[in-house]
Amino acid sequence: MSADNHIEGSGIGTRLRAARERCGWTREALAVHSQLSWSAIAQVESGRRKNVRPQTLAALAEALGVTIDYLVEGAPSSSVMLEHQVLLFATDQEFADTVVPFLSEGIERSEALLVATTNGRFELLREQLGSDAEQVEFVERDTWYTDPAPALLELEQFVKAKLSDGALWVQFVGDPEWSGTSDIEVGLWTRYEALLNLVFAAMPTSILCTYDTNTIAPEVARQACLTHPHTIGPQGIAPNPDFADPGEYVLER
């Protein structure tokens, strides 16, 4: 494709605005990061500019940490878009203090939201979210986390269905039960966590996995740190220095 060619797409403006808002940026801030003019960004977002130059899309995608494929088609690509975070918590309030803001941000951006946890934590989240909780889908974790393979497939189907229906991003909170889990089951579920990094890498998806430190063994917590590229907690999101390459992790004996 030559530099003079243009790419036409009616959804570019919508996805550009969604990606910008996920960064918490104004159009002026995006203009600074992308080295494009504010007016050019406004024209693309509003749909007034139908044909967008490839170099313009490249500058916007690089600044926003998304891909050109996503801006043009809303489709997966070879670049990593997944946000996969782990929360280690000791009380239900610590759980809510992180999960509620995570969901609230998605609600504000009209993203697709799914939570798999216990009925008691459902009520805690609903109470703190108020009427906004109606925009979140809740599933009982005992029915979701029955086996790694079906759970992985069901989450993949959910994400793809929501994206096909027009969702700009999908957020999932997974709160599995680890007490009473055998060593073999722990191995399978930690490989499930590692596989999430591969299966959803190119999808516009955020996955927050929560671990109750009162019910998990120290080895489970260690494995959780190996399978999540980022941690989240009171201090916010941070890169996880213990994160292991998911391909190597899955293939380990």
Protein backbone atom coordinates (compact mmCIF):
# COMPACT_ATOMS: atom_id res chain seq x y z
CA MET A 1 0.00 0.00 0.00
CA SER A 2 1.49 3.35 -1.02
CA ALA A 3 1.64 6.38 1.23
CA ASP A 4 -0.94 8.09 -0.94
CA ASN A 5 -3.55 5.38 -0.40
CA HIS A 6 -6.34 5.80 2.12
CA ILE A 7 -8.26 3.32 4.25
CA GLU A 8 -12.01 3.71 4.48
CA GLY A 9 -14.00 2.43 7.43
CA SER A 10 -17.17 3.71 9.03
CA GLY A 11 -16.26 2.33 12.48
CA ILE A 12 -12.79 3.84 12.77
CA GLY A 13 -14.00 6.96 14.55
CA THR A 14 -15.95 5.01 17.15
CA ARG A 15 -13.05 2.67 17.94
CA LEU A 16 -10.56 5.54 17.96
CA ARG A 17 -12.64 7.42 20.53
CA ALA A 18 -13.07 4.25 22.62
CA ALA A 19 -9.33 3.57 22.65
CA ARG A 20 -8.57 7.19 23.52
CA GLU A 21 -11.06 7.17 26.39
CA ARG A 22 -9.56 3.94 27.75
CA CYS A 23 -6.27 5.83 28.05
CA GLY A 24 -8.09 8.65 29.85
CA TRP A 25 -6.91 11.13 27.22
CA THR A 26 -8.53 14.17 25.70
CA ARG A 27 -8.19 14.75 21.98
CA GLU A 28 -5.51 17.30 22.78
CA ALA A 29 -3.52 14.70 24.73
CA LEU A 30 -3.80 12.19 21.89
CA ALA A 31 -2.64 14.89 19.47
CA VAL A 32 0.52 15.35 21.56
CA HIS A 33 1.23 11.61 21.85
CA SER A 34 0.56 10.88 18.17
CA GLN A 35 2.07 14.12 16.83
CA LEU A 36 -1.11 14.69 14.82
CA SER A 37 -3.34 17.75 14.85
CA TRP A 38 -6.32 18.00 17.19
CA SER A 39 -8.55 18.85 14.22
CA ALA A 40 -7.49 15.72 12.31
CA ILE A 41 -8.34 13.52 15.31
CA ALA A 42 -11.69 15.29 15.75
CA GLN A 43 -12.54 14.73 12.08
CA VAL A 44 -11.75 11.00 12.28
CA GLU A 45 -13.70 10.49 15.53
CA SER A 46 -16.74 12.37 14.25
CA GLY A 47 -16.77 10.45 10.98
CA ARG A 48 -16.24 13.56 8.88
CA ARG A 49 -13.00 12.12 7.57
CA LYS A 50 -13.97 8.88 5.84
CA ASN A 51 -10.61 8.10 4.25
CA VAL A 52 -7.71 7.90 6.68
CA ARG A 53 -4.07 7.67 5.59
CA PRO A 54 -2.18 4.54 6.72
CA GLN A 55 0.51 6.67 8.36
CA THR A 56 -2.19 8.48 10.34
CA LEU A 57 -3.64 5.17 11.52
CA ALA A 58 -0.16 3.92 12.40
CA ALA A 59 0.55 7.00 14.51
CA LEU A 60 -2.78 6.71 16.33
CA ALA A 61 -2.44 2.96 16.94
CA GLU A 62 1.11 3.29 18.30
CA ALA A 63 0.15 6.14 20.62
CA LEU A 64 -2.90 4.28 21.97
CA GLY A 65 -1.27 0.85 22.31
CA VAL A 66 -3.74 -0.83 19.93
CA THR A 67 -3.38 -2.14 16.40
CA ILE A 68 -4.29 -0.77 13.01
CA ASP A 69 -6.43 -3.90 12.49
CA TYR A 70 -8.43 -2.97 15.57
CA LEU A 71 -8.98 0.64 14.50
CA VAL A 72 -10.00 -0.36 10.97
CA GLU A 73 -11.99 -3.54 11.60
CA GLY A 74 -12.30 -4.06 15.35
CA ALA A 75 -10.67 -7.43 14.73
CA PRO A 76 -7.92 -9.41 16.47
CA SER A 77 -4.37 -9.06 15.17
CA SER A 78 -0.91 -10.36 15.93
CA SER A 79 -0.17 -7.64 18.51
CA VAL A 80 -1.02 -8.06 22.20
CA MET A 81 -4.11 -6.13 23.28
CA LEU A 82 -5.08 -8.30 26.25
CA GLU A 83 -4.84 -6.80 29.72
CA HIS A 84 -4.41 -9.73 32.15
CA GLN A 85 -4.07 -8.82 35.82
CA VAL A 86 -3.99 -10.70 39.12
CA LEU A 87 -5.38 -9.49 42.44
CA LEU A 88 -4.30 -11.16 45.68
CA PHE A 89 -6.76 -10.12 48.41
CA ALA A 90 -7.38 -11.00 52.05
CA THR A 91 -10.90 -9.61 52.66
CA ASP A 92 -14.08 -9.16 50.65
CA GLN A 93 -13.68 -5.41 51.02
CA GLU A 94 -10.23 -5.57 49.43
CA PHE A 95 -11.83 -7.57 46.62
CA ALA A 96 -14.52 -4.92 46.13
CA ASP A 97 -12.09 -2.01 46.41
CA THR A 98 -10.35 -3.22 43.25
CA VAL A 99 -13.16 -4.93 41.33
CA VAL A 100 -15.72 -2.11 41.65
CA PRO A 101 -13.49 0.55 40.04
CA PHE A 102 -12.48 -1.99 37.36
CA LEU A 103 -16.15 -2.56 36.50
CA SER A 104 -17.15 1.09 36.87
CA GLU A 105 -14.61 2.15 34.27
CA GLY A 106 -15.98 -0.46 31.87
CA ILE A 107 -19.55 0.63 32.57
CA GLU A 108 -18.64 4.24 31.87
CA ARG A 109 -17.18 3.19 28.52
CA SER A 110 -20.20 0.95 27.70
CA GLU A 111 -18.04 -2.16 27.49
CA ALA A 112 -19.24 -5.76 27.82
CA LEU A 113 -18.78 -6.99 31.41
CA LEU A 114 -18.86 -10.48 32.92
CA VAL A 115 -18.13 -11.54 36.52
CA ALA A 116 -17.77 -15.10 37.81
CA THR A 117 -17.75 -15.17 41.62
CA THR A 118 -19.83 -16.24 44.63
CA ASN A 119 -23.36 -15.11 45.44
CA GLY A 120 -22.08 -13.26 48.49
CA ARG A 121 -19.62 -11.24 46.42
CA PHE A 122 -22.31 -10.66 43.79
CA GLU A 123 -24.33 -8.84 46.41
CA LEU A 124 -21.33 -6.84 47.59
CA LEU A 125 -20.57 -5.70 44.05
CA ARG A 126 -24.23 -4.95 43.27
CA GLU A 127 -24.56 -2.91 46.46
CA GLN A 128 -21.54 -0.75 45.64
CA LEU A 129 -22.29 -0.42 41.93
CA GLY A 130 -25.92 0.51 42.53
CA SER A 131 -28.07 0.71 39.41
CA ASP A 132 -24.95 0.35 37.25
CA ALA A 133 -24.84 -3.33 38.25
CA GLU A 134 -27.59 -3.94 35.70
CA GLN A 135 -24.96 -3.51 32.99
CA VAL A 136 -22.87 -6.40 34.36
CA GLU A 137 -23.50 -10.08 33.65
CA PHE A 138 -22.96 -12.31 36.71
CA VAL A 139 -22.40 -16.08 36.71
CA GLU A 140 -21.95 -18.36 39.73
CA ARG A 141 -18.33 -19.44 39.85
CA ASP A 142 -19.20 -23.03 40.81
CA THR A 143 -20.89 -23.41 37.43
CA TRP A 144 -18.19 -21.50 35.51
CA TYR A 145 -15.05 -23.11 36.95
CA THR A 146 -15.99 -26.76 36.59
CA ASP A 147 -13.20 -27.71 34.16
CA PRO A 148 -10.45 -25.67 32.48
CA ALA A 149 -11.18 -26.60 28.87
CA PRO A 150 -14.92 -25.72 28.89
CA ALA A 151 -14.23 -22.56 30.91
CA LEU A 152 -11.66 -21.39 28.37
CA LEU A 153 -13.99 -22.15 25.45
CA GLU A 154 -16.96 -20.46 27.09
CA LEU A 155 -14.98 -17.29 27.79
CA GLU A 156 -13.67 -17.22 24.23
CA GLN A 157 -17.21 -17.62 22.86
CA PHE A 158 -18.48 -14.85 25.16
CA VAL A 159 -15.77 -12.42 24.04
CA LYS A 160 -16.24 -13.15 20.34
CA ALA A 161 -20.03 -12.87 20.62
CA LYS A 162 -19.83 -9.50 22.37
CA LEU A 163 -17.34 -8.14 19.83
CA SER A 164 -19.58 -9.36 16.98
CA ASP A 165 -22.52 -7.58 18.61
CA GLY A 166 -20.59 -4.31 18.54
CA ALA A 167 -18.85 -4.18 21.93
CA LEU A 168 -15.68 -2.10 21.73
CA TRP A 169 -13.99 -3.94 24.61
CA VAL A 170 -14.78 -6.88 26.90
CA GLN A 171 -13.95 -7.12 30.62
CA PHE A 172 -14.02 -10.34 32.67
CA VAL A 173 -13.53 -10.84 36.40
CA GLY A 174 -12.72 -14.43 37.37
CA ASP A 175 -12.81 -15.46 41.03
CA PRO A 176 -12.11 -19.23 41.17
CA GLU A 177 -12.32 -21.40 44.27
CA TRP A 178 -8.95 -22.99 45.15
CA SER A 179 -9.60 -24.61 48.54
CA GLY A 180 -9.77 -28.38 48.32
CA THR A 181 -8.26 -28.39 44.83
CA SER A 182 -5.86 -31.28 44.21
CA ASP A 183 -2.32 -30.78 42.95
CA ILE A 184 -3.32 -32.09 39.53
CA GLU A 185 -6.25 -29.66 39.35
CA VAL A 186 -4.03 -26.77 40.45
CA GLY A 187 -1.67 -27.63 37.61
CA LEU A 188 -4.50 -27.67 35.08
CA TRP A 189 -6.00 -24.39 36.26
CA THR A 190 -2.67 -22.57 36.34
CA ARG A 191 -2.08 -23.72 32.76
CA TYR A 192 -5.53 -22.35 31.97
CA GLU A 193 -4.35 -18.99 33.34
CA ALA A 194 -1.22 -19.14 31.18
CA LEU A 195 -3.26 -20.05 28.10
CA LEU A 196 -5.43 -16.96 28.55
CA ASN A 197 -2.37 -14.92 27.57
CA LEU A 198 -2.16 -16.76 24.26
CA VAL A 199 -5.82 -17.26 23.35
CA PHE A 200 -6.88 -13.66 24.05
CA ALA A 201 -3.62 -11.90 23.21
CA ALA A 202 -4.95 -10.10 20.13
CA MET A 203 -8.47 -9.47 21.43
CA PRO A 204 -9.63 -6.16 22.97
CA THR A 205 -10.13 -7.78 26.36
CA SER A 206 -9.30 -7.11 30.02
CA ILE A 207 -9.19 -10.10 32.39
CA LEU A 208 -8.91 -9.60 36.15
CA CYS A 209 -8.25 -12.82 38.11
CA THR A 210 -8.76 -12.68 41.87
CA TYR A 211 -7.13 -14.95 44.46
CA ASP A 212 -8.29 -15.09 48.09
CA THR A 213 -5.11 -15.47 50.14
CA ASN A 214 -7.13 -16.96 53.01
CA THR A 215 -8.02 -20.03 50.97
CA ILE A 216 -5.06 -20.60 48.63
CA ALA A 217 -1.79 -22.33 49.36
CA PRO A 218 1.47 -20.33 48.99
CA GLU A 219 2.31 -22.39 45.89
CA VAL A 220 -0.95 -21.33 44.22
CA ALA A 221 -0.12 -17.68 44.88
CA ARG A 222 3.34 -18.23 43.41
CA GLN A 223 1.87 -19.82 40.30
CA ALA A 224 -0.58 -16.93 39.96
CA CYS A 225 2.35 -14.53 39.78
CA LEU A 226 3.91 -16.63 37.02
CA THR A 227 0.81 -16.55 34.82
CA HIS A 228 -0.22 -12.88 34.95
CA PRO A 229 1.78 -10.11 33.23
CA HIS A 230 0.40 -7.45 35.60
CA THR A 231 -0.63 -7.16 39.23
CA ILE A 232 -3.37 -4.88 40.52
CA GLY A 233 -4.11 -3.57 44.00
CA PRO A 234 -4.38 -0.42 46.12
CA GLN A 235 -1.35 1.08 44.37
CA GLY A 236 -2.84 0.47 40.92
CA ILE A 237 -1.60 -1.69 38.05
CA ALA A 238 2.06 -2.67 37.86
CA PRO A 239 4.17 -4.95 35.62
CA ASN A 240 4.71 -8.34 37.23
CA PRO A 241 8.45 -9.16 37.38
CA ASP A 242 7.67 -12.85 38.03
CA PHE A 243 5.62 -13.32 34.85
CA ALA A 244 6.79 -16.32 32.81
CA ASP A 245 6.51 -16.83 29.07
CA PRO A 246 3.09 -18.53 28.67
CA GLY A 247 4.22 -20.87 25.90
CA GLU A 248 7.13 -22.19 27.95
CA TYR A 249 4.97 -22.39 31.08
CA VAL A 250 2.26 -24.46 29.42
CA LEU A 251 4.79 -26.86 27.91
CA GLU A 252 6.73 -27.43 31.13
CA ARG A 253 6.49 -30.91 32.64
